Amino acid sequence: MCTLTYIPIEKEAFIWTQNRDESPLRTASGLVQNTTKQWIYPQEPLSGGTWISITQAGRVVSLLNGAFVQNKYVPSARSRGLMLLDFLDYTFLKDFVEHYTFEALEPFTMVVYEHGTLWEFRWDKKQKYLKQLNAQQPYIWSSSTLYPASIKALRQQWFAAYLENYPVRTRTNILNFHHHAGMGDLQNDLIMDRGMVKTVSITSIVKTIEEIEMNYYDLVRKNVAQQKLRL
């Protein structure tokens, strides 16, 4: 759940891309559609949760492990992936932040687009931090669990170079960034491999005024799944 970029392309339209760094044993086999609630997401095979989802209401949410600083891995008493699905039952992020019980959860960062606004929500096991972002500005996030501040800063530099080199941003060129950005360091490049943990998938979302589409690239099985929702 480890590298996320947000690229606005016009009003209420954007490209949202997330690399998942995880054990290959926890690779989702494809996309699940909850037809009752009109959600689409890759399903984590162990918990049944997810790290990224789109909805017919035009909402998008991503989850990254860790809040602000690198922390020792401790399994959550409750899955953060199931928490993300719980979040989708709330109409507004602010209501979720106010009313949901987070005490059993390890630190995380959630990025949410809803109702034309972009938000960042962090939980550090002690306190909640909610911040509205500029939806017309590009952003990159890296998991605090895997990447220290120095590597996050380096990734910000790679992202800034991408933005400078591509004034016209497309799904193709941002996917190229998510596949190839780095310096030949498998520990910290966007496609990373630390043995037990590696980049197992890339999820690409494109939202326009009319529809929202998710492409899921399974790097372990070499499969691609695609689904879209009319808005």
Protein backbone atom coordinates (compact mmCIF):
# COMPACT_ATOMS: atom_id res chain seq x y z
CA MET A 1 0.00 0.00 0.00
CA CYS A 2 2.97 2.12 -0.61
CA THR A 3 3.28 4.72 -3.38
CA LEU A 4 0.43 6.94 -4.54
CA THR A 5 0.24 9.82 -7.03
CA TYR A 6 -2.60 12.19 -7.79
CA ILE A 7 -2.55 14.13 -11.07
CA PRO A 8 -5.35 16.61 -11.87
CA ILE A 9 -6.01 16.91 -15.62
CA GLU A 10 -8.99 19.27 -15.62
CA LYS A 11 -11.80 20.27 -13.27
CA GLU A 12 -13.17 17.17 -11.50
CA ALA A 13 -10.95 14.95 -13.67
CA PHE A 14 -7.72 13.29 -12.55
CA ILE A 15 -5.38 10.30 -12.75
CA TRP A 16 -4.83 8.38 -9.50
CA THR A 17 -2.12 5.69 -9.44
CA GLN A 18 -0.96 3.43 -6.62
CA ASN A 19 1.84 0.87 -6.37
CA ARG A 20 1.28 -1.80 -3.74
CA ASP A 21 4.37 -3.10 -1.93
CA GLU A 22 3.46 -6.29 -0.12
CA SER A 23 4.14 -10.00 0.19
CA PRO A 24 3.40 -11.74 -3.14
CA LEU A 25 1.20 -14.11 -1.12
CA ARG A 26 -1.20 -11.21 -0.56
CA THR A 27 -1.75 -10.31 -4.21
CA ALA A 28 -5.36 -9.70 -5.23
CA SER A 29 -6.50 -11.92 -8.10
CA GLY A 30 -8.50 -9.17 -9.83
CA LEU A 31 -11.24 -6.64 -9.22
CA VAL A 32 -14.38 -7.10 -7.11
CA GLN A 33 -17.59 -5.17 -7.77
CA ASN A 34 -20.06 -4.72 -4.95
CA THR A 35 -23.16 -4.41 -7.14
CA THR A 36 -25.41 -3.44 -4.23
CA LYS A 37 -23.30 -0.45 -3.22
CA GLN A 38 -21.53 0.11 -6.57
CA TRP A 39 -17.95 -0.10 -5.30
CA ILE A 40 -15.03 -1.53 -7.28
CA TYR A 41 -11.76 -2.61 -5.66
CA PRO A 42 -9.02 -5.27 -5.66
CA GLN A 43 -9.68 -7.57 -2.71
CA GLU A 44 -6.88 -8.46 -0.29
CA PRO A 45 -7.01 -12.29 -0.13
CA LEU A 46 -6.25 -12.73 3.58
CA SER A 47 -8.49 -10.14 5.25
CA GLY A 48 -11.05 -9.58 2.50
CA GLY A 49 -10.36 -5.83 2.69
CA THR A 50 -8.69 -3.52 0.22
CA TRP A 51 -6.25 -0.63 -0.11
CA ILE A 52 -7.97 1.28 -2.93
CA SER A 53 -11.55 1.70 -4.19
CA ILE A 54 -13.80 3.69 -6.50
CA THR A 55 -17.55 4.24 -6.19
CA GLN A 56 -20.42 5.26 -8.44
CA ALA A 57 -20.70 8.45 -6.40
CA GLY A 58 -17.30 9.44 -7.86
CA ARG A 59 -15.38 8.83 -4.66
CA VAL A 60 -11.84 7.46 -4.63
CA VAL A 61 -9.89 6.31 -1.58
CA SER A 62 -6.39 4.92 -1.06
CA LEU A 63 -4.72 3.56 2.05
CA LEU A 64 -1.02 3.60 2.90
CA ASN A 65 0.53 2.00 5.98
CA GLY A 66 2.10 4.43 8.46
CA ALA A 67 1.30 8.02 9.34
CA PHE A 68 4.22 10.48 9.51
CA VAL A 69 7.34 8.54 10.49
CA GLN A 70 8.76 5.06 9.99
CA ASN A 71 7.40 2.72 12.64
CA LYS A 72 8.02 -0.89 13.60
CA TYR A 73 5.53 -3.25 11.96
CA VAL A 74 2.92 -4.56 14.37
CA PRO A 75 -0.17 -6.41 13.06
CA SER A 76 -3.35 -4.41 13.61
CA ALA A 77 -5.95 -5.85 15.95
CA ARG A 78 -8.32 -4.92 13.11
CA SER A 79 -7.43 -4.91 9.43
CA ARG A 80 -6.91 -1.45 7.98
CA GLY A 81 -8.19 -2.86 4.68
CA LEU A 82 -11.53 -3.69 6.29
CA MET A 83 -11.58 -0.22 7.81
CA LEU A 84 -11.35 1.22 4.30
CA LEU A 85 -14.48 -0.69 3.28
CA ASP A 86 -16.20 0.56 6.44
CA PHE A 87 -15.31 4.09 5.37
CA LEU A 88 -17.22 3.70 2.11
CA ASP A 89 -20.47 3.34 4.05
CA TYR A 90 -20.06 6.94 5.25
CA THR A 91 -21.24 9.70 2.91
CA PHE A 92 -18.57 12.13 4.13
CA LEU A 93 -15.01 11.60 5.31
CA LYS A 94 -15.53 14.10 8.14
CA ASP A 95 -18.31 11.91 9.61
CA PHE A 96 -16.06 8.84 9.39
CA VAL A 97 -13.20 10.67 11.14
CA GLU A 98 -15.52 11.89 13.88
CA HIS A 99 -17.45 8.69 14.60
CA TYR A 100 -15.29 5.68 13.66
CA THR A 101 -13.26 3.89 16.36
CA PHE A 102 -9.55 3.84 15.40
CA GLU A 103 -7.92 2.64 18.63
CA ALA A 104 -7.42 -0.96 17.43
CA LEU A 105 -5.66 0.17 14.24
CA GLU A 106 -1.98 0.64 13.49
CA PRO A 107 -0.91 3.99 11.94
CA PHE A 108 -2.12 4.76 8.43
CA THR A 109 -2.61 7.46 5.85
CA MET A 110 -5.82 7.72 3.81
CA VAL A 111 -6.20 9.91 0.74
CA VAL A 112 -9.78 10.58 -0.31
CA TYR A 113 -11.46 12.36 -3.20
CA GLU A 114 -15.14 13.05 -2.61
CA HIS A 115 -17.70 15.62 -3.75
CA GLY A 116 -15.09 17.61 -5.69
CA THR A 117 -12.64 17.84 -2.77
CA LEU A 118 -9.34 16.11 -1.95
CA TRP A 119 -8.41 15.09 1.59
CA GLU A 120 -5.55 13.54 3.55
CA PHE A 121 -6.33 11.76 6.82
CA ARG A 122 -3.65 10.30 9.10
CA TRP A 123 -3.91 8.23 12.29
CA ASP A 124 -0.74 7.77 14.40
CA LYS A 125 -2.29 5.58 17.17
CA LYS A 126 -2.69 8.64 19.37
CA GLN A 127 -4.29 11.39 17.32
CA LYS A 128 -6.29 12.03 14.14
CA TYR A 129 -5.05 14.51 11.53
CA LEU A 130 -7.42 15.66 8.78
CA LYS A 131 -6.32 18.10 6.09
CA GLN A 132 -8.04 19.34 2.94
CA LEU A 133 -5.72 19.50 -0.07
CA ASN A 134 -5.81 21.51 -3.28
CA ALA A 135 -7.52 19.24 -5.81
CA GLN A 136 -5.90 21.18 -8.67
CA GLN A 137 -2.37 20.35 -7.49
CA PRO A 138 -0.41 17.10 -8.06
CA TYR A 139 0.81 15.05 -5.08
CA ILE A 140 2.89 11.98 -4.25
CA TRP A 141 2.77 9.88 -1.06
CA SER A 142 5.00 7.02 0.09
CA SER A 143 4.31 4.61 2.93
CA SER A 144 5.94 5.72 6.17
CA THR A 145 6.24 2.08 7.24
CA LEU A 146 8.69 1.25 4.43
CA TYR A 147 10.28 4.56 3.51
CA PRO A 148 12.13 7.00 5.81
CA ALA A 149 11.97 10.76 5.32
CA SER A 150 15.15 10.84 3.21
CA ILE A 151 13.71 8.38 0.67
CA LYS A 152 10.37 10.19 0.62
CA ALA A 153 12.23 13.40 -0.23
CA LEU A 154 14.10 11.65 -3.02
CA ARG A 155 10.84 10.34 -4.45
CA GLN A 156 9.44 13.89 -4.33
CA GLN A 157 12.39 14.91 -6.52
CA TRP A 158 11.66 12.14 -9.03
CA PHE A 159 8.02 13.23 -9.13
CA ALA A 160 8.97 16.89 -9.63
CA ALA A 161 11.18 15.84 -12.57
CA TYR A 162 8.27 13.89 -14.06
CA LEU A 163 5.97 16.93 -13.78
CA GLU A 164 8.57 19.13 -15.44
CA ASN A 165 9.20 16.66 -18.26
CA TYR A 166 5.51 16.00 -18.93
CA PRO A 167 3.45 19.21 -18.94
CA VAL A 168 0.68 17.11 -20.53
CA ARG A 169 0.05 14.21 -18.17
CA THR A 170 -1.61 11.00 -19.33
CA ARG A 171 -2.30 7.56 -17.90
CA THR A 172 0.50 6.22 -20.11
CA ASN A 173 3.22 8.57 -18.93
CA ILE A 174 2.29 8.41 -15.24
CA LEU A 175 2.23 4.60 -15.45
CA ASN A 176 5.69 4.81 -16.99
CA PHE A 177 6.75 6.86 -13.96
CA HIS A 178 5.29 4.27 -11.57
CA HIS A 179 7.12 1.49 -13.42
CA HIS A 180 10.52 3.10 -13.89
CA ALA A 181 11.16 6.00 -11.49
CA GLY A 182 14.24 5.46 -9.35
CA MET A 183 18.01 5.15 -9.44
CA GLY A 184 18.54 1.41 -9.80
CA ASP A 185 18.00 0.73 -6.08
CA LEU A 186 15.59 -2.17 -5.63
CA GLN A 187 15.16 -1.25 -1.97
CA ASN A 188 13.60 2.12 -2.73
CA ASP A 189 12.71 2.55 -6.43
CA LEU A 190 8.98 2.80 -7.21
CA ILE A 191 9.12 -0.81 -8.37
CA MET A 192 10.87 -2.25 -5.34
CA ASP A 193 11.93 -5.75 -4.29
CA ARG A 194 13.14 -6.56 -0.76
CA GLY A 195 12.52 -10.29 -1.05
CA MET A 196 9.55 -10.90 1.23
CA VAL A 197 8.08 -7.52 0.25
CA LYS A 198 7.97 -6.27 -3.31
CA THR A 199 5.79 -4.23 -5.65
CA VAL A 200 3.03 -6.70 -6.50
CA SER A 201 0.57 -4.48 -8.37
CA ILE A 202 -0.18 -1.06 -9.82
CA THR A 203 -3.73 0.30 -9.78
CA SER A 204 -4.58 3.11 -12.18
CA ILE A 205 -7.77 5.19 -11.88
CA VAL A 206 -8.95 7.80 -14.35
CA LYS A 207 -11.93 9.96 -13.39
CA THR A 208 -13.74 12.26 -15.82
CA ILE A 209 -17.03 14.12 -15.45
CA GLU A 210 -18.90 11.18 -17.00
CA GLU A 211 -17.21 8.06 -15.64
CA ILE A 212 -14.56 6.56 -13.41
CA GLU A 213 -12.37 3.65 -14.54
CA MET A 214 -10.02 1.36 -12.62
CA ASN A 215 -7.26 -0.70 -14.24
CA TYR A 216 -5.53 -3.24 -11.99
CA TYR A 217 -2.11 -4.48 -13.14
CA ASP A 218 -1.11 -7.67 -11.31
CA LEU A 219 2.69 -7.77 -11.56
CA VAL A 220 2.88 -11.26 -10.03
CA ARG A 221 0.43 -13.09 -12.30
CA LYS A 222 0.99 -10.69 -15.23
CA ASN A 223 -2.75 -10.03 -15.54
CA VAL A 224 -4.75 -6.86 -16.15
CA ALA A 225 -8.32 -6.29 -14.94
CA GLN A 226 -10.47 -3.30 -15.90
CA GLN A 227 -13.85 -2.02 -14.75
CA LYS A 228 -15.65 1.32 -14.95
CA LEU A 229 -18.67 3.07 -13.49
CA ARG A 230 -20.87 5.73 -15.04
CA LEU A 231 -21.25 8.73 -12.75
